[in-house]
């Protein structure tokens, strides 16, 4: 799930010296119930999770763009 696993991995990887690239179309999440009995739609949650890690921790690309990158 993008909002938990992908986000946590990106945040942990950067201090270890890794450059993080997330293929956004290869990740997903689910609807999330809130404490006040509402639901955060999975599409909104996905967008917010990717925006959060893109702000500081990761570059967001499509899978095709990642596959076109040169191997270093």
C-alpha atoms as a PDB file:
ATOM      1  CA  UNK A   1       0.000   0.000   0.000  1.00  0.00           C
ATOM      2  CA  UNK A   2       1.442   3.300  -1.107  1.00  0.00           C
ATOM      3  CA  UNK A   3       0.360   5.270   1.948  1.00  0.00           C
ATOM      4  CA  UNK A   4       2.193   2.909   4.318  1.00  0.00           C
ATOM      5  CA  UNK A   5       4.799   0.572   2.809  1.00  0.00           C
ATOM      6  CA  UNK A   6       6.003   2.636  -0.141  1.00  0.00           C
ATOM      7  CA  UNK A   7       6.022   5.860   1.856  1.00  0.00           C
ATOM      8  CA  UNK A   8       7.899   4.303   4.791  1.00  0.00           C
ATOM      9  CA  UNK A   9      10.456   2.674   2.522  1.00  0.00           C
ATOM     10  CA  UNK A  10      11.169   5.949   0.709  1.00  0.00           C
ATOM     11  CA  UNK A  11      11.525   7.858   3.977  1.00  0.00           C
ATOM     12  CA  UNK A  12      13.894   5.238   5.397  1.00  0.00           C
ATOM     13  CA  UNK A  13      15.993   4.922   2.227  1.00  0.00           C
ATOM     14  CA  UNK A  14      16.980   8.574   1.800  1.00  0.00           C
ATOM     15  CA  UNK A  15      18.950   8.901   5.080  1.00  0.00           C
ATOM     16  CA  UNK A  16      20.816   5.748   4.061  1.00  0.00           C
ATOM     17  CA  UNK A  17      21.994   7.469   0.887  1.00  0.00           C
ATOM     18  CA  UNK A  18      19.624   5.952  -1.648  1.00  0.00           C
ATOM     19  CA  UNK A  19      17.996   7.918  -4.454  1.00  0.00           C
ATOM     20  CA  UNK A  20      14.371   6.845  -4.512  1.00  0.00           C
ATOM     21  CA  UNK A  21      12.262   6.556  -7.660  1.00  0.00           C
ATOM     22  CA  UNK A  22       8.687   5.352  -7.341  1.00  0.00           C
ATOM     23  CA  UNK A  23       6.864   4.039 -10.429  1.00  0.00           C
ATOM     24  CA  UNK A  24       3.463   5.506  -9.612  1.00  0.00           C
ATOM     25  CA  UNK A  25       1.495   3.222 -11.891  1.00  0.00           C
ATOM     26  CA  UNK A  26       3.008   0.167 -10.189  1.00  0.00           C
ATOM     27  CA  UNK A  27       1.717   1.144  -6.745  1.00  0.00           C
ATOM     28  CA  UNK A  28      -1.739   1.242  -5.220  1.00  0.00           C
ATOM     29  CA  UNK A  29      -3.629   1.648  -2.002  1.00  0.00           C
ATOM     30  CA  UNK A  30      -7.139   1.112  -0.650  1.00  0.00           C
ATOM     31  CA  UNK A  31      -9.969   3.181   0.750  1.00  0.00           C
ATOM     32  CA  UNK A  32      -9.123   4.123   4.321  1.00  0.00           C
ATOM     33  CA  UNK A  33     -11.619   4.497   7.152  1.00  0.00           C
ATOM     34  CA  UNK A  34     -11.013   7.496   9.393  1.00  0.00           C
ATOM     35  CA  UNK A  35     -11.419   7.879  13.132  1.00  0.00           C
ATOM     36  CA  UNK A  36     -14.679   9.804  12.601  1.00  0.00           C
ATOM     37  CA  UNK A  37     -16.377   7.109  10.500  1.00  0.00           C
ATOM     38  CA  UNK A  38     -15.652   8.681   7.136  1.00  0.00           C
ATOM     39  CA  UNK A  39     -13.685   7.181   4.256  1.00  0.00           C
ATOM     40  CA  UNK A  40     -10.712   8.542   2.361  1.00  0.00           C
ATOM     41  CA  UNK A  41     -11.099   7.394  -1.244  1.00  0.00           C
ATOM     42  CA  UNK A  42      -8.192   5.256  -2.486  1.00  0.00           C
ATOM     43  CA  UNK A  43      -7.483   7.587  -5.418  1.00  0.00           C
ATOM     44  CA  UNK A  44      -7.213  10.633  -3.142  1.00  0.00           C
ATOM     45  CA  UNK A  45      -5.104   8.697  -0.651  1.00  0.00           C
ATOM     46  CA  UNK A  46      -2.793   7.447  -3.419  1.00  0.00           C
ATOM     47  CA  UNK A  47      -2.321  10.963  -4.779  1.00  0.00           C
ATOM     48  CA  UNK A  48      -1.657  12.407  -1.323  1.00  0.00           C
ATOM     49  CA  UNK A  49       0.798   9.644  -0.403  1.00  0.00           C
ATOM     50  CA  UNK A  50       2.802  10.125  -3.598  1.00  0.00           C
ATOM     51  CA  UNK A  51       2.724  13.909  -3.202  1.00  0.00           C
ATOM     52  CA  UNK A  52       4.026  13.561   0.341  1.00  0.00           C
ATOM     53  CA  UNK A  53       7.053  11.480  -0.596  1.00  0.00           C
ATOM     54  CA  UNK A  54       7.673  13.484  -3.781  1.00  0.00           C
ATOM     55  CA  UNK A  55       7.958  16.653  -1.716  1.00  0.00           C
ATOM     56  CA  UNK A  56      11.254  15.564  -0.120  1.00  0.00           C
ATOM     57  CA  UNK A  57      12.045  11.873  -0.454  1.00  0.00           C
ATOM     58  CA  UNK A  58      11.399  10.502  -3.944  1.00  0.00           C
ATOM     59  CA  UNK A  59      11.028  11.159  -7.627  1.00  0.00           C
ATOM     60  CA  UNK A  60       7.738   9.915  -9.057  1.00  0.00           C
ATOM     61  CA  UNK A  61       7.780   8.430 -12.567  1.00  0.00           C
ATOM     62  CA  UNK A  62       5.757   6.012 -14.652  1.00  0.00           C
ATOM     63  CA  UNK A  63       6.921   2.438 -15.048  1.00  0.00           C
ATOM     64  CA  UNK A  64       7.715   3.121 -18.713  1.00  0.00           C
ATOM     65  CA  UNK A  65       9.884   6.094 -17.739  1.00  0.00           C
ATOM     66  CA  UNK A  66      11.751   3.997 -15.172  1.00  0.00           C
ATOM     67  CA  UNK A  67      12.372   1.247 -17.733  1.00  0.00           C
ATOM     68  CA  UNK A  68      13.778   3.809 -20.167  1.00  0.00           C
ATOM     69  CA  UNK A  69      16.311   5.084 -17.639  1.00  0.00           C
ATOM     70  CA  UNK A  70      19.948   4.180 -18.254  1.00  0.00           C
ATOM     71  CA  UNK A  71      21.419   1.597 -15.919  1.00  0.00           C
ATOM     72  CA  UNK A  72      24.059   3.116 -13.663  1.00  0.00           C
END
